[in-house]
C-alpha cells in the first residue's frame, strides 16, 4: 500500500483523479481512487515543477574580417643593437650597418623603418638590419620604428647619436706622402697635383 502511495505521489503531475484511503476489515490501510464509505480524501502535495532548460546559444566564431580588425599585440622591447649610443664609427667610406631587435618578434603586417637625422631612410621592411653608406663626417641621430600596413607607428626607439670619423685626403697625404708613381693611382694623389718635372739637362754649345 505504501508503494501505491509513493507511486501516486511521484506521478501526481500526471494524475487528475482524487486519492482516498481507509482501513479495511483486516486492519490494513487501503489507497484507492474510488470514493467508498468511510474513506478519506488525501490532499497530495503540489508537484515540484521544474522549468525545461533553455537551449544555450553559442557565440558565433569571429570571421576573417573581424580577426583582421583585432588590435595587434604590443611590443615589450624595441632597441638598436648596433651602433651603440654615442658610438664612434671609423670608416673612410662612411659605411655603417644598423641592427635592431624587438620582443616579441615582428608580427604579421608590420615592418621596421629607420629614421636618420629626422628623415626616413630607405624603405620599411621585415628585416631589422639597415645598410647606410657615404655618411658625412660628424654626429648623426638614428631611431627605429615599427609601423603597421597603414603607416601608423606602433613602437619607436629613442633617437640616439653616433659619430662618423672619416680621414680626409689631406690627412692621408700627411700620413703617407705621395710619391712620383702614386699620382693618378691613390685617391689622395690626383694626377692634377703631380708636380711638374724639371726640364732636361741643357746642352752647352761646343766651341
C-alpha atoms as a PDB file:
ATOM      1  CA  UNK A   1       0.000   0.000   0.000  1.00  0.00           C
ATOM      2  CA  UNK A   2       2.806   2.342   0.820  1.00  0.00           C
ATOM      3  CA  UNK A   3       4.257   1.650  -2.615  1.00  0.00           C
ATOM      4  CA  UNK A   4       0.988   2.643  -4.183  1.00  0.00           C
ATOM      5  CA  UNK A   5       1.007   5.931  -2.291  1.00  0.00           C
ATOM      6  CA  UNK A   6       4.609   6.575  -3.292  1.00  0.00           C
ATOM      7  CA  UNK A   7       3.827   5.934  -6.938  1.00  0.00           C
ATOM      8  CA  UNK A   8       0.807   8.174  -6.774  1.00  0.00           C
ATOM      9  CA  UNK A   9       2.876  10.945  -5.246  1.00  0.00           C
ATOM     10  CA  UNK A  10       5.694  10.569  -7.775  1.00  0.00           C
ATOM     11  CA  UNK A  11       3.385  10.606 -10.746  1.00  0.00           C
ATOM     12  CA  UNK A  12       0.986  13.121  -9.265  1.00  0.00           C
ATOM     13  CA  UNK A  13       1.549  15.599 -12.155  1.00  0.00           C
ATOM     14  CA  UNK A  14       0.014  13.016 -14.454  1.00  0.00           C
ATOM     15  CA  UNK A  15      -2.908  12.043 -12.131  1.00  0.00           C
ATOM     16  CA  UNK A  16      -6.089  14.046 -12.224  1.00  0.00           C
ATOM     17  CA  UNK A  17      -8.293  11.743 -10.006  1.00  0.00           C
ATOM     18  CA  UNK A  18      -8.639  12.179  -6.242  1.00  0.00           C
ATOM     19  CA  UNK A  19      -6.926   9.611  -3.925  1.00  0.00           C
ATOM     20  CA  UNK A  20      -8.771   8.076  -0.961  1.00  0.00           C
ATOM     21  CA  UNK A  21      -7.689   5.923   1.984  1.00  0.00           C
ATOM     22  CA  UNK A  22      -9.424   3.784   4.549  1.00  0.00           C
ATOM     23  CA  UNK A  23      -8.825   0.850   6.948  1.00  0.00           C
ATOM     24  CA  UNK A  24     -10.278  -2.458   5.745  1.00  0.00           C
ATOM     25  CA  UNK A  25     -11.777  -5.192   7.928  1.00  0.00           C
ATOM     26  CA  UNK A  26      -8.370  -6.831   8.378  1.00  0.00           C
ATOM     27  CA  UNK A  27      -6.881  -3.637   9.742  1.00  0.00           C
ATOM     28  CA  UNK A  28      -4.880  -2.816   6.589  1.00  0.00           C
ATOM     29  CA  UNK A  29      -4.746   0.678   5.146  1.00  0.00           C
ATOM     30  CA  UNK A  30      -6.068   0.808   1.635  1.00  0.00           C
ATOM     31  CA  UNK A  31      -5.464   3.509  -1.004  1.00  0.00           C
ATOM     32  CA  UNK A  32      -7.856   3.880  -3.875  1.00  0.00           C
ATOM     33  CA  UNK A  33      -9.037   6.388  -6.444  1.00  0.00           C
ATOM     34  CA  UNK A  34     -12.684   5.431  -5.855  1.00  0.00           C
ATOM     35  CA  UNK A  35     -14.601   7.015  -3.059  1.00  0.00           C
ATOM     36  CA  UNK A  36     -16.034   4.379  -0.692  1.00  0.00           C
ATOM     37  CA  UNK A  37     -17.942   4.553   2.508  1.00  0.00           C
ATOM     38  CA  UNK A  38     -15.712   5.669   5.361  1.00  0.00           C
ATOM     39  CA  UNK A  39     -12.783   6.619   3.034  1.00  0.00           C
ATOM     40  CA  UNK A  40     -10.985   9.924   3.485  1.00  0.00           C
ATOM     41  CA  UNK A  41      -9.637  12.041   0.671  1.00  0.00           C
ATOM     42  CA  UNK A  42      -5.880  12.611   0.691  1.00  0.00           C
ATOM     43  CA  UNK A  43      -4.550  16.007  -0.238  1.00  0.00           C
ATOM     44  CA  UNK A  44      -1.467  15.396  -2.341  1.00  0.00           C
ATOM     45  CA  UNK A  45       1.401  17.847  -2.232  1.00  0.00           C
ATOM     46  CA  UNK A  46       1.779  20.159  -5.187  1.00  0.00           C
ATOM     47  CA  UNK A  47       4.266  18.785  -7.713  1.00  0.00           C
ATOM     48  CA  UNK A  48       7.725  20.320  -7.924  1.00  0.00           C
ATOM     49  CA  UNK A  49       7.534  21.508 -11.472  1.00  0.00           C
ATOM     50  CA  UNK A  50      10.989  22.198 -12.927  1.00  0.00           C
ATOM     51  CA  UNK A  51      11.172  24.524 -15.938  1.00  0.00           C
ATOM     52  CA  UNK A  52      12.619  22.955 -19.017  1.00  0.00           C
ATOM     53  CA  UNK A  53      16.258  24.018 -19.535  1.00  0.00           C
ATOM     54  CA  UNK A  54      16.650  26.596 -22.264  1.00  0.00           C
ATOM     55  CA  UNK A  55      18.920  25.827 -25.144  1.00  0.00           C
ATOM     56  CA  UNK A  56      22.270  27.550 -24.733  1.00  0.00           C
ATOM     57  CA  UNK A  57      23.289  29.674 -27.656  1.00  0.00           C
ATOM     58  CA  UNK A  58      26.932  29.526 -28.606  1.00  0.00           C
ATOM     59  CA  UNK A  59      28.631  32.727 -29.687  1.00  0.00           C
ATOM     60  CA  UNK A  60      29.445  32.702 -33.410  1.00  0.00           C
ATOM     61  CA  UNK A  61      33.078  32.285 -34.385  1.00  0.00           C
ATOM     62  CA  UNK A  62      34.768  35.520 -35.498  1.00  0.00           C
ATOM     63  CA  UNK A  63      35.057  35.983 -39.223  1.00  0.00           C
ATOM     64  CA  UNK A  64      38.295  36.608 -41.078  1.00  0.00           C
ATOM     65  CA  UNK A  65      37.467  40.322 -41.317  1.00  0.00           C
ATOM     66  CA  UNK A  66      36.893  40.512 -37.566  1.00  0.00           C
ATOM     67  CA  UNK A  67      40.227  38.830 -36.935  1.00  0.00           C
ATOM     68  CA  UNK A  68      41.935  41.441 -39.084  1.00  0.00           C
ATOM     69  CA  UNK A  69      40.204  44.191 -37.161  1.00  0.00           C
ATOM     70  CA  UNK A  70      41.531  42.979 -33.813  1.00  0.00           C
ATOM     71  CA  UNK A  71      44.191  45.280 -32.355  1.00  0.00           C
ATOM     72  CA  UNK A  72      47.736  43.986 -32.581  1.00  0.00           C
ATOM     73  CA  UNK A  73      49.597  42.942 -29.502  1.00  0.00           C
ATOM     74  CA  UNK A  74      52.058  45.478 -28.172  1.00  0.00           C
ATOM     75  CA  UNK A  75      55.845  45.205 -28.201  1.00  0.00           C
ATOM     76  CA  UNK A  76      57.599  44.965 -24.882  1.00  0.00           C
ATOM     77  CA  UNK A  77      61.019  45.784 -26.307  1.00  0.00           C
ATOM     78  CA  UNK A  78      62.456  47.628 -29.290  1.00  0.00           C
ATOM     79  CA  UNK A  79      66.046  48.799 -29.286  1.00  0.00           C
ATOM     80  CA  UNK A  80      69.060  49.413 -31.505  1.00  0.00           C
ATOM     81  CA  UNK A  81      71.905  46.931 -31.077  1.00  0.00           C
ATOM     82  CA  UNK A  82      74.436  48.496 -33.471  1.00  0.00           C
ATOM     83  CA  UNK A  83      75.731  51.148 -33.223  1.00  0.00           C
ATOM     84  CA  UNK A  84      75.631  51.695 -29.505  1.00  0.00           C
ATOM     85  CA  UNK A  85      74.567  55.036 -28.051  1.00  0.00           C
ATOM     86  CA  UNK A  86      77.147  57.776 -28.700  1.00  0.00           C
ATOM     87  CA  UNK A  87      79.381  55.302 -30.574  1.00  0.00           C
ATOM     88  CA  UNK A  88      82.173  56.445 -32.914  1.00  0.00           C
ATOM     89  CA  UNK A  89      82.330  54.816 -36.343  1.00  0.00           C
ATOM     90  CA  UNK A  90      85.699  54.849 -38.083  1.00  0.00           C
ATOM     91  CA  UNK A  91      85.043  54.259 -41.756  1.00  0.00           C
ATOM     92  CA  UNK A  92      86.584  56.273 -44.555  1.00  0.00           C
ATOM     93  CA  UNK A  93      83.711  55.401 -46.909  1.00  0.00           C
ATOM     94  CA  UNK A  94      81.094  56.409 -44.321  1.00  0.00           C
ATOM     95  CA  UNK A  95      79.502  52.944 -44.357  1.00  0.00           C
ATOM     96  CA  UNK A  96      77.504  51.594 -41.400  1.00  0.00           C
ATOM     97  CA  UNK A  97      75.236  48.611 -40.661  1.00  0.00           C
ATOM     98  CA  UNK A  98      72.403  49.430 -38.237  1.00  0.00           C
ATOM     99  CA  UNK A  99      70.844  46.469 -36.405  1.00  0.00           C
ATOM    100  CA  UNK A 100      67.720  46.479 -34.205  1.00  0.00           C
ATOM    101  CA  UNK A 101      65.733  43.884 -32.252  1.00  0.00           C
ATOM    102  CA  UNK A 102      62.198  43.599 -30.863  1.00  0.00           C
ATOM    103  CA  UNK A 103      60.343  41.405 -28.385  1.00  0.00           C
ATOM    104  CA  UNK A 104      58.083  39.772 -29.400  1.00  0.00           C
ATOM    105  CA  UNK A 105      59.296  39.245 -32.929  1.00  0.00           C
ATOM    106  CA  UNK A 106      57.811  41.351 -35.702  1.00  0.00           C
ATOM    107  CA  UNK A 107      54.133  40.478 -36.208  1.00  0.00           C
ATOM    108  CA  UNK A 108      52.358  39.826 -39.479  1.00  0.00           C
ATOM    109  CA  UNK A 109      51.629  43.005 -41.408  1.00  0.00           C
ATOM    110  CA  UNK A 110      54.225  45.081 -39.525  1.00  0.00           C
ATOM    111  CA  UNK A 111      57.563  46.465 -40.731  1.00  0.00           C
ATOM    112  CA  UNK A 112      60.737  48.083 -39.416  1.00  0.00           C
ATOM    113  CA  UNK A 113      61.647  51.606 -40.530  1.00  0.00           C
ATOM    114  CA  UNK A 114      64.900  53.527 -39.992  1.00  0.00           C
ATOM    115  CA  UNK A 115      64.936  57.240 -39.193  1.00  0.00           C
ATOM    116  CA  UNK A 116      68.248  59.026 -39.894  1.00  0.00           C
ATOM    117  CA  UNK A 117      68.641  62.634 -38.778  1.00  0.00           C
ATOM    118  CA  UNK A 118      64.869  63.048 -38.609  1.00  0.00           C
ATOM    119  CA  UNK A 119      64.192  61.641 -42.092  1.00  0.00           C
ATOM    120  CA  UNK A 120      63.018  58.205 -43.245  1.00  0.00           C
ATOM    121  CA  UNK A 121      65.988  56.290 -44.635  1.00  0.00           C
ATOM    122  CA  UNK A 122      65.215  53.655 -47.260  1.00  0.00           C
ATOM    123  CA  UNK A 123      62.041  51.584 -47.457  1.00  0.00           C
ATOM    124  CA  UNK A 124      60.363  49.819 -44.496  1.00  0.00           C
ATOM    125  CA  UNK A 125      60.828  46.055 -44.427  1.00  0.00           C
ATOM    126  CA  UNK A 126      60.701  42.882 -42.383  1.00  0.00           C
ATOM    127  CA  UNK A 127      64.461  42.910 -41.737  1.00  0.00           C
ATOM    128  CA  UNK A 128      65.795  44.781 -38.682  1.00  0.00           C
ATOM    129  CA  UNK A 129      69.125  45.353 -40.474  1.00  0.00           C
ATOM    130  CA  UNK A 130      69.778  48.587 -42.407  1.00  0.00           C
ATOM    131  CA  UNK A 131      72.824  49.420 -44.560  1.00  0.00           C
ATOM    132  CA  UNK A 132      73.981  53.043 -44.694  1.00  0.00           C
ATOM    133  CA  UNK A 133      76.729  54.358 -46.960  1.00  0.00           C
ATOM    134  CA  UNK A 134      78.634  57.562 -47.608  1.00  0.00           C
ATOM    135  CA  UNK A 135      77.682  59.158 -44.311  1.00  0.00           C
ATOM    136  CA  UNK A 136      79.186  62.576 -43.761  1.00  0.00           C
ATOM    137  CA  UNK A 137      81.721  63.096 -41.045  1.00  0.00           C
ATOM    138  CA  UNK A 138      80.297  64.290 -37.764  1.00  0.00           C
ATOM    139  CA  UNK A 139      77.374  63.453 -35.468  1.00  0.00           C
ATOM    140  CA  UNK A 140      74.174  61.780 -36.669  1.00  0.00           C
ATOM    141  CA  UNK A 141      70.986  60.626 -34.910  1.00  0.00           C
ATOM    142  CA  UNK A 142      69.087  57.405 -35.623  1.00  0.00           C
ATOM    143  CA  UNK A 143      65.955  55.665 -34.372  1.00  0.00           C
ATOM    144  CA  UNK A 144      63.992  52.584 -35.460  1.00  0.00           C
ATOM    145  CA  UNK A 145      60.210  52.356 -35.727  1.00  0.00           C
ATOM    146  CA  UNK A 146      57.700  49.525 -36.079  1.00  0.00           C
ATOM    147  CA  UNK A 147      54.793  50.504 -38.307  1.00  0.00           C
ATOM    148  CA  UNK A 148      51.634  48.749 -39.492  1.00  0.00           C
ATOM    149  CA  UNK A 149      50.288  48.465 -43.035  1.00  0.00           C
ATOM    150  CA  UNK A 150      48.675  51.889 -42.729  1.00  0.00           C
ATOM    151  CA  UNK A 151      51.967  53.549 -41.785  1.00  0.00           C
ATOM    152  CA  UNK A 152      50.955  54.099 -38.162  1.00  0.00           C
ATOM    153  CA  UNK A 153      53.819  53.987 -35.665  1.00  0.00           C
ATOM    154  CA  UNK A 154      53.297  51.139 -33.176  1.00  0.00           C
ATOM    155  CA  UNK A 155      56.649  51.361 -31.392  1.00  0.00           C
ATOM    156  CA  UNK A 156      59.725  53.598 -31.642  1.00  0.00           C
ATOM    157  CA  UNK A 157      63.162  53.725 -30.055  1.00  0.00           C
ATOM    158  CA  UNK A 158      64.541  56.942 -28.602  1.00  0.00           C
ATOM    159  CA  UNK A 159      66.737  58.885 -31.004  1.00  0.00           C
ATOM    160  CA  UNK A 160      70.370  58.140 -30.222  1.00  0.00           C
ATOM    161  CA  UNK A 161      73.539  59.829 -31.516  1.00  0.00           C
ATOM    162  CA  UNK A 162      76.589  58.300 -33.157  1.00  0.00           C
ATOM    163  CA  UNK A 163      79.667  59.845 -34.698  1.00  0.00           C
ATOM    164  CA  UNK A 164      81.342  59.150 -38.044  1.00  0.00           C
ATOM    165  CA  UNK A 165      85.074  59.668 -38.391  1.00  0.00           C
ATOM    166  CA  UNK A 166      86.487  59.768 -41.903  1.00  0.00           C
ATOM    167  CA  UNK A 167      90.116  60.523 -42.718  1.00  0.00           C
ATOM    168  CA  UNK A 168      90.404  63.355 -45.225  1.00  0.00           C
ATOM    169  CA  UNK A 169      92.611  63.148 -48.302  1.00  0.00           C
ATOM    170  CA  UNK A 170      94.854  65.817 -46.854  1.00  0.00           C
ATOM    171  CA  UNK A 171      95.299  63.773 -43.686  1.00  0.00           C
ATOM    172  CA  UNK A 172      96.143  60.713 -45.752  1.00  0.00           C
ATOM    173  CA  UNK A 173      98.783  62.639 -47.673  1.00  0.00           C
ATOM    174  CA  UNK A 174     100.252  63.844 -44.402  1.00  0.00           C
ATOM    175  CA  UNK A 175     100.498  60.311 -43.061  1.00  0.00           C
ATOM    176  CA  UNK A 176     101.766  58.841 -46.327  1.00  0.00           C
ATOM    177  CA  UNK A 177     103.111  61.498 -48.673  1.00  0.00           C
ATOM    178  CA  UNK A 178     102.527  60.985 -52.369  1.00  0.00           C
ATOM    179  CA  UNK A 179     105.402  59.644 -54.372  1.00  0.00           C
ATOM    180  CA  UNK A 180     106.010  60.029 -58.072  1.00  0.00           C
ATOM    181  CA  UNK A 181     104.284  56.782 -59.032  1.00  0.00           C
ATOM    182  CA  UNK A 182     101.332  57.392 -56.645  1.00  0.00           C
ATOM    183  CA  UNK A 183      99.787  60.214 -58.669  1.00  0.00           C
ATOM    184  CA  UNK A 184      96.738  59.033 -60.533  1.00  0.00           C
ATOM    185  CA  UNK A 185      96.748  55.777 -58.534  1.00  0.00           C
ATOM    186  CA  UNK A 186      95.927  56.741 -54.952  1.00  0.00           C
ATOM    187  CA  UNK A 187      92.710  58.780 -54.461  1.00  0.00           C
ATOM    188  CA  UNK A 188      94.560  61.251 -52.288  1.00  0.00           C
ATOM    189  CA  UNK A 189      97.170  61.726 -55.012  1.00  0.00           C
ATOM    190  CA  UNK A 190      95.264  63.056 -58.060  1.00  0.00           C
ATOM    191  CA  UNK A 191      97.235  63.419 -61.271  1.00  0.00           C
ATOM    192  CA  UNK A 192      96.473  67.142 -61.274  1.00  0.00           C
ATOM    193  CA  UNK A 193      98.552  67.562 -58.130  1.00  0.00           C
ATOM    194  CA  UNK A 194     101.573  65.839 -59.614  1.00  0.00           C
ATOM    195  CA  UNK A 195     104.477  68.297 -59.557  1.00  0.00           C
ATOM    196  CA  UNK A 196     105.979  69.238 -62.868  1.00  0.00           C
ATOM    197  CA  UNK A 197     109.252  67.619 -63.648  1.00  0.00           C
ATOM    198  CA  UNK A 198     112.225  69.835 -64.122  1.00  0.00           C
ATOM    199  CA  UNK A 199     113.472  70.400 -67.696  1.00  0.00           C
ATOM    200  CA  UNK A 200     116.078  68.130 -69.250  1.00  0.00           C
ATOM    201  CA  UNK A 201     119.809  68.772 -68.970  1.00  0.00           C
ATOM    202  CA  UNK A 202     120.812  71.836 -71.012  1.00  0.00           C
ATOM    203  CA  UNK A 203     123.121  71.285 -73.903  1.00  0.00           C
ATOM    204  CA  UNK A 204     126.096  73.541 -73.836  1.00  0.00           C
ATOM    205  CA  UNK A 205     127.468  74.682 -77.200  1.00  0.00           C
ATOM    206  CA  UNK A 206     130.772  73.213 -78.147  1.00  0.00           C
ATOM    207  CA  UNK A 207     133.437  75.518 -79.421  1.00  0.00           C
END
